[in-house]
Every structure is written in C-alpha cells, then in structure tokens.
Protein backbone atom coordinates (compact mmCIF):
# COMPACT_ATOMS: atom_id res chain seq x y z
CA UNK A 1 -5.51 -69.49 56.28
CA UNK A 2 -6.47 -73.75 55.69
CA UNK A 3 -3.82 -76.02 54.21
CA UNK A 4 -4.49 -79.20 52.13
CA UNK A 5 -2.52 -82.15 53.33
CA UNK A 6 0.69 -81.59 51.85
CA UNK A 7 2.12 -78.41 50.83
CA UNK A 8 -1.24 -76.95 48.99
CA UNK A 9 -4.16 -74.09 50.54
CA UNK A 10 -7.69 -75.66 50.73
CA UNK A 11 -9.79 -73.23 48.85
CA UNK A 12 -13.43 -74.60 50.12
CA UNK A 13 -12.21 -73.94 53.52
CA UNK A 14 -11.27 -70.24 53.37
CA UNK A 15 -14.19 -69.37 50.95
CA UNK A 16 -16.43 -70.96 53.21
CA UNK A 17 -15.24 -69.16 56.05
CA UNK A 18 -15.37 -65.55 54.45
CA UNK A 19 -18.71 -63.41 55.69
CA UNK A 20 -19.23 -60.54 54.07
CA UNK A 21 -21.69 -58.59 55.96
CA UNK A 22 -19.60 -58.39 59.19
CA UNK A 23 -16.62 -57.51 57.76
CA UNK A 24 -18.65 -54.43 57.07
CA UNK A 25 -19.89 -54.22 60.03
CA UNK A 26 -16.91 -55.04 61.58
CA UNK A 27 -15.05 -51.94 59.94
CA UNK A 28 -17.88 -49.56 60.40
CA UNK A 29 -17.74 -49.90 64.47
CA UNK A 30 -13.90 -49.85 64.59
CA UNK A 31 -13.62 -46.36 66.42
CA UNK A 32 -10.76 -44.45 64.20
CA UNK A 33 -12.45 -41.21 63.10
CA UNK A 34 -9.92 -39.74 66.21
CA UNK A 35 -7.03 -40.57 63.66
CA UNK A 36 -5.36 -38.83 62.42
CA UNK A 37 -3.70 -41.47 60.34
CA UNK A 38 -4.21 -45.60 60.31
CA UNK A 39 -0.20 -47.52 59.89
CA UNK A 40 -2.35 -51.17 58.51
CA UNK A 41 0.03 -54.03 57.17
CA UNK A 42 -2.20 -56.15 55.50
CA UNK A 43 -5.55 -55.52 56.93
CA UNK A 44 -8.46 -55.98 54.70
CA UNK A 45 -11.22 -54.86 57.59
CA UNK A 46 -9.12 -51.64 58.84
CA UNK A 47 -8.14 -50.70 55.51
CA UNK A 48 -11.77 -50.14 54.61
CA UNK A 49 -12.79 -48.86 57.26
CA UNK A 50 -10.35 -45.56 57.04
CA UNK A 51 -12.05 -45.54 53.24
CA UNK A 52 -15.97 -45.53 55.16
CA UNK A 53 -14.64 -42.95 57.61
CA UNK A 54 -12.56 -40.88 55.61
CA UNK A 55 -9.56 -41.04 57.83
CA UNK A 56 -6.25 -40.86 56.23
CA UNK A 57 -4.20 -44.96 56.33
CA UNK A 58 -0.60 -45.08 55.28
CA UNK A 59 0.28 -49.11 54.02
CA UNK A 60 3.51 -50.49 56.03
CA UNK A 61 4.67 -53.55 55.68
CA UNK A 62 5.80 -56.39 53.09
CA UNK A 63 3.08 -56.71 50.95
CA UNK A 64 3.05 -52.89 50.58
CA UNK A 65 6.10 -53.73 48.04
CA UNK A 66 3.85 -55.23 45.47
CA UNK A 67 2.63 -52.35 44.79
CA UNK A 68 5.30 -51.73 42.33
CA UNK A 69 5.93 -53.73 39.30
CA UNK A 70 9.71 -54.08 39.79
CA UNK A 71 9.19 -56.90 42.81
CA UNK A 72 9.79 -59.99 42.19
CA UNK A 73 7.35 -62.39 40.10
CA UNK A 74 7.09 -65.65 39.00
CA UNK A 75 7.13 -66.42 34.85
CA UNK A 76 3.54 -67.59 35.01
CA UNK A 77 1.59 -64.07 36.49
CA UNK A 78 -2.08 -64.61 38.84
CA UNK A 79 -4.44 -63.04 37.87
CA UNK A 80 -5.87 -63.43 40.83
CA UNK A 81 -3.05 -62.68 43.36
CA UNK A 82 -2.40 -59.48 41.36
CA UNK A 83 -6.32 -58.11 42.41
CA UNK A 84 -5.24 -59.98 45.86
CA UNK A 85 -1.79 -58.15 46.28
CA UNK A 86 -3.46 -54.64 45.23
CA UNK A 87 -6.75 -54.67 46.32
CA UNK A 88 -6.79 -56.71 49.57
CA UNK A 89 -6.25 -53.61 51.73
CA UNK A 90 -5.50 -50.37 49.81
CA UNK A 91 -4.15 -46.90 51.94
CA UNK A 92 -2.84 -43.52 50.06
CA UNK A 93 0.87 -44.26 50.76
CA UNK A 94 2.27 -47.56 50.95
CA UNK A 95 6.00 -48.03 52.66
CA UNK A 96 6.21 -51.86 51.80
CA UNK A 97 9.74 -54.00 52.50
CA UNK A 98 11.47 -56.54 51.33
CA UNK A 99 14.49 -58.50 50.51
CA UNK A 100 15.52 -56.39 48.84
CA UNK A 101 14.73 -52.23 47.65
CA UNK A 102 13.16 -53.23 44.13
CA UNK A 103 11.61 -49.35 44.60
CA UNK A 104 12.27 -45.90 46.08
CA UNK A 105 8.98 -46.80 49.14
CA UNK A 106 10.92 -50.47 49.77
CA UNK A 107 12.74 -50.96 52.89
CA UNK A 108 14.75 -53.49 54.46
CA UNK A 109 12.73 -56.31 55.99
CA UNK A 110 12.11 -55.84 60.05
CA UNK A 111 14.24 -58.45 62.47
CA UNK A 112 13.55 -59.26 65.13
CA UNK A 113 15.87 -58.28 68.54
CA UNK A 114 16.35 -61.40 69.84
CA UNK A 115 18.00 -62.36 66.01
CA UNK A 116 19.48 -59.38 65.46
CA UNK A 117 21.50 -59.86 69.08
CA UNK A 118 22.37 -63.03 68.04
CA UNK A 119 26.06 -64.36 67.58
CA UNK A 120 25.10 -66.82 65.20
CA UNK A 121 26.41 -70.90 65.28
CA UNK A 122 26.52 -73.92 64.01
CA UNK A 123 25.41 -77.15 65.54
CA UNK A 124 25.12 -78.85 61.95
CA UNK A 125 21.23 -79.60 62.79
CA UNK A 126 18.64 -78.51 59.70
CA UNK A 127 15.91 -76.21 61.34
CA UNK A 128 12.64 -76.96 59.32
CA UNK A 129 8.92 -74.96 59.66
CA UNK A 130 6.59 -76.13 56.50
CA UNK A 131 3.20 -75.46 58.69
CA UNK A 132 1.02 -76.30 55.22
CA UNK A 133 2.38 -79.88 54.93
CA UNK A 134 1.40 -82.91 57.36
CA UNK A 135 4.49 -84.93 58.99
CA UNK A 136 3.15 -87.47 57.04
CA UNK A 137 4.41 -85.66 53.74
CA UNK A 138 7.60 -85.41 54.86
CA UNK A 139 9.60 -87.71 57.64
CA UNK A 140 10.42 -90.70 55.58
CA UNK A 141 11.99 -88.23 53.41
CA UNK A 142 14.06 -87.10 56.52
CA UNK A 143 14.64 -90.30 57.64
CA UNK A 144 16.27 -91.34 54.43
CA UNK A 145 18.74 -88.18 55.45
CA UNK A 146 19.88 -91.19 58.20
CA UNK A 147 22.50 -88.54 59.44
CA UNK A 148 21.46 -84.93 58.77
CA UNK A 149 19.64 -84.49 62.46
CA UNK A 150 16.54 -82.10 61.82
CA UNK A 151 14.51 -79.83 64.83
CA UNK A 152 10.87 -79.92 63.46
CA UNK A 153 8.01 -77.50 64.19
CA UNK A 154 5.09 -78.75 63.79
CA UNK A 155 1.90 -78.76 64.80
CA UNK A 156 -0.25 -80.82 66.82
CA UNK A 157 2.83 -82.14 68.65
CA UNK A 158 2.67 -81.64 72.48
CA UNK A 159 6.97 -81.90 74.07
CA UNK A 160 9.56 -81.88 72.08
CA UNK A 161 11.14 -85.55 71.81
CA UNK A 162 13.15 -86.73 69.25
CA UNK A 163 12.85 -90.26 66.95
CA UNK A 164 15.19 -91.25 64.66
CA UNK A 165 17.48 -88.54 63.10
CA UNK A 166 14.26 -86.02 63.74
CA UNK A 167 13.68 -84.13 67.18
CA UNK A 168 9.89 -83.18 66.83
CA UNK A 169 8.95 -79.55 68.47
CA UNK A 170 6.10 -77.93 69.33
CA UNK A 171 5.25 -74.73 67.72
CA UNK A 172 7.33 -73.06 69.87
CA UNK A 173 8.98 -68.77 68.77
CA UNK A 174 11.35 -68.57 71.84
CA UNK A 175 12.13 -72.42 70.56
CA UNK A 176 12.30 -72.28 67.01
CA UNK A 177 14.50 -68.92 67.14
CA UNK A 178 17.76 -70.73 69.28
CA UNK A 179 17.57 -73.51 66.65
CA UNK A 180 17.85 -71.51 63.39
CA UNK A 181 20.18 -69.36 65.33
CA UNK A 182 22.41 -72.68 66.07
CA UNK A 183 20.95 -73.77 62.43
CA UNK A 184 22.97 -75.44 59.33
CA UNK A 185 20.01 -74.46 57.10
CA UNK A 186 16.24 -74.18 57.20
CA UNK A 187 13.81 -75.34 54.89
CA UNK A 188 10.65 -73.09 55.28
CA UNK A 189 7.95 -72.42 53.07
CA UNK A 190 8.12 -69.10 50.97
CA UNK A 191 6.84 -66.43 53.16
CA UNK A 192 9.06 -63.39 53.62
CA UNK A 193 9.84 -63.19 57.23
CA UNK A 194 11.34 -66.35 57.82
CA UNK A 195 13.99 -66.47 54.99
CA UNK A 196 14.37 -63.43 56.08
CA UNK A 197 15.94 -64.00 59.06
CA UNK A 198 17.59 -66.88 58.31
CA UNK A 199 19.27 -64.69 55.42
CA UNK A 200 20.72 -61.92 58.14
CA UNK A 201 21.48 -64.93 60.61
CA UNK A 202 23.61 -65.96 56.70
CA UNK A 203 21.36 -70.03 57.10
CA UNK A 204 21.28 -71.49 53.95
CA UNK A 205 17.95 -72.11 53.06
CA UNK A 206 15.65 -74.26 51.10
CA UNK A 207 12.62 -73.13 50.21
CA UNK A 208 9.34 -74.54 49.42
CA UNK A 209 6.44 -71.95 48.49
CA UNK A 210 2.84 -72.70 49.32
CA UNK A 211 1.32 -74.41 45.57
CA UNK A 212 -0.91 -72.52 43.97
CA UNK A 213 -0.28 -69.34 47.21
CA UNK A 214 0.59 -65.85 44.76
CA UNK A 215 2.21 -64.23 47.63
CA UNK A 216 4.61 -66.72 48.36
CA UNK A 217 5.33 -67.79 44.24
CA UNK A 218 5.99 -63.86 44.16
CA UNK A 219 8.85 -64.41 47.37
CA UNK A 220 9.92 -67.48 46.04
CA UNK A 221 11.15 -65.79 42.55
CA UNK A 222 12.91 -62.85 44.61
CA UNK A 223 14.80 -66.05 46.70
CA UNK A 224 15.66 -67.72 43.24
CA UNK A 225 17.31 -64.28 42.22
CA UNK A 226 19.55 -64.23 45.60
CA UNK A 227 20.35 -67.90 44.68
CA UNK A 228 18.04 -69.90 46.93
CA UNK A 229 17.35 -72.71 45.71
CA UNK A 230 13.49 -73.16 45.25
CA UNK A 231 11.00 -76.74 45.62
CA UNK A 232 7.42 -76.22 43.93
CA UNK A 233 6.91 -80.33 44.56
CA UNK A 234 8.39 -82.39 46.89
CA UNK A 235 7.94 -85.67 45.58
CA UNK A 236 9.40 -89.52 46.12
CA UNK A 237 13.11 -88.17 45.52
CA UNK A 238 12.52 -84.88 48.47
CA UNK A 239 15.39 -86.49 50.57
CA UNK A 240 18.33 -86.51 47.01
CA UNK A 241 17.08 -82.32 46.95
CA UNK A 242 17.83 -82.72 49.93
CA UNK A 243 21.15 -84.14 49.90
CA UNK A 244 22.26 -81.95 46.76
CA UNK A 245 21.35 -78.76 48.92
CA UNK A 246 23.46 -79.48 51.84
CA UNK A 247 26.39 -80.27 49.40
CA UNK A 248 25.66 -76.37 47.31
CA UNK A 249 28.30 -73.80 48.90
CA UNK A 250 25.55 -70.96 48.03
CA UNK A 251 26.92 -67.41 48.71
CA UNK A 252 24.35 -65.44 49.74
CA UNK A 253 23.96 -61.42 49.87
CA UNK A 254 23.94 -60.60 53.15
CA UNK A 255 20.63 -59.15 54.85
CA UNK A 256 20.06 -55.87 56.29
CA UNK A 257 17.61 -55.13 59.21
CA UNK A 258 15.44 -52.29 58.95
CA UNK A 259 15.74 -49.37 60.84
CA UNK A 260 13.11 -48.28 62.28
CA UNK A 261 13.20 -44.67 63.13
CA UNK A 262 14.77 -44.30 59.02
CA UNK A 263 11.30 -45.60 58.52
CA UNK A 264 9.11 -44.30 60.93
CA UNK A 265 10.74 -40.72 59.87
CA UNK A 266 10.27 -41.09 56.55
CA UNK A 267 6.03 -42.64 57.27
CA UNK A 268 5.85 -39.44 58.82
CA UNK A 269 7.97 -37.22 56.15
CA UNK A 270 5.66 -38.72 53.42
CA UNK A 271 2.64 -38.84 55.75
CA UNK A 272 3.30 -34.90 56.13
CA UNK A 273 2.71 -34.55 52.04
C-alpha cells in the first residue's frame, strides 16, 4: 500500500508498481504441485498459482468473510471494491474471520497469544496507530487535548521520546502490544486485527478508516453496528471529537478469540467434502 499525506490511498503509486507479467511468472514458479491443499490468506499470486497448477485451496482469513453478502457493508457500496474482494484471491472453499458470526462459515478473529494471556490495565494513555496519516496531520489536534497522554506509533520515528503530551514510538509490535494492553483507548484505522484485539481487551476504540479503502469502510460499518464511533474526516475540530469520544460510555460486546484447533478441524472437514 502507498498512502497519501492525511488518511487516504495514493492510487498512482499503487498502480505504477503493478507488474502483470511478473505476477504470472511468479504464480507459475510457485512449487505447489506436491501439496494436497493450499491455505491462502488473500494472496492473489498464490490464488492464481492454484488455478494454473490445478491445486485445491482454501481461503482462510478476514477477506474471505466478504464472500457473504450478510457481512456488513457501508451504506454506499463500491462496485470496484466488491469486485476486488470477490475476485482478487478466489478459492473453491472459504473460511472467514470477522468481529461477529455473520454467516455459517465465519469464525471469530485470531488473537495473538500476548493479548490472550495479558491482564488488561488502564494507565489512562491513548494508543494511536494510523499509518495512513503523516505527523503534521494530527499533531496539533493531540496537543490541544493537553490533559490526555498519547502513545503514538509512527513511521519514521527512530527512538522513543516525549514532547508535551505525546510520546512518539517507532513502529514496534512488542511495544505496541504493551501500550494497547495498558491503554484507556485506541485511535486506529478501519483494519481488522487491531480493533479485534482492542475489543478482546475491552478497550475504547475510535476508528478512522482509510479514505477510499473499501475493506476498511466495510470494517467501519461493522464496528458502527457494534457501537464503535467512526470518523470519516479529520478536520480542525478533531480534538473536540477526541474529547467527546473519551467522555462516552459504550458497552462494547465481548470479543471471542478464535479456537484455532477447532478452526483447523473445520477446515479439514470442509476440505474432505
């Protein structure tokens, strides 16, 4: 993915890096023929390789849940977005992962062991992870909420340091997990894994889906149904939105963690059919 400065996708950068001939060469070169079944998580080259080499595959992951029309969508559907979700990485069988069981083949999200085994605390900071936003887009808004401390995980930060009410962190999974486990709430995009982990921990969430990113818009629609506040535009009053969000009392549904042995057994039973 290539992002614009403040919360969107840079489609020109994405498009100019696509190499169709190389995709086919890579798919043809993948050594799949000795396998009985391929488990694929929305990878287009693997999906294409399975078709070219006539190897059975199962699509296992979040994107597989969008095969079902019962999975939440935004009010305004995107024809292109629906085509990508349907055709980008197809498979004969699908096992979806999502926040709720919208269909018979959709199961709970896989939550990392560090999160499942953690004891959540509240040290009153707000964790921030918004990779589609540059520092200049949000810093003033965070500074205006001066009585709140932010842990901001940001690309381009080389070492942890604090300026005012913001502690800047390099993007680091271990440190991010620690911050999430001990935060009051998290401001993040419209992804799947991070909101699922936050819901599992019982943390407050403010979601800002990436502009024109259809999957994130779909996830945001699902989060809204669960009571999670969603912001589609970050303007001059973003600090007021943060303050209002922090004052909200929301009873989020308890998120289950995926039972991985059961999911694998379901997959093998489905494959045998």
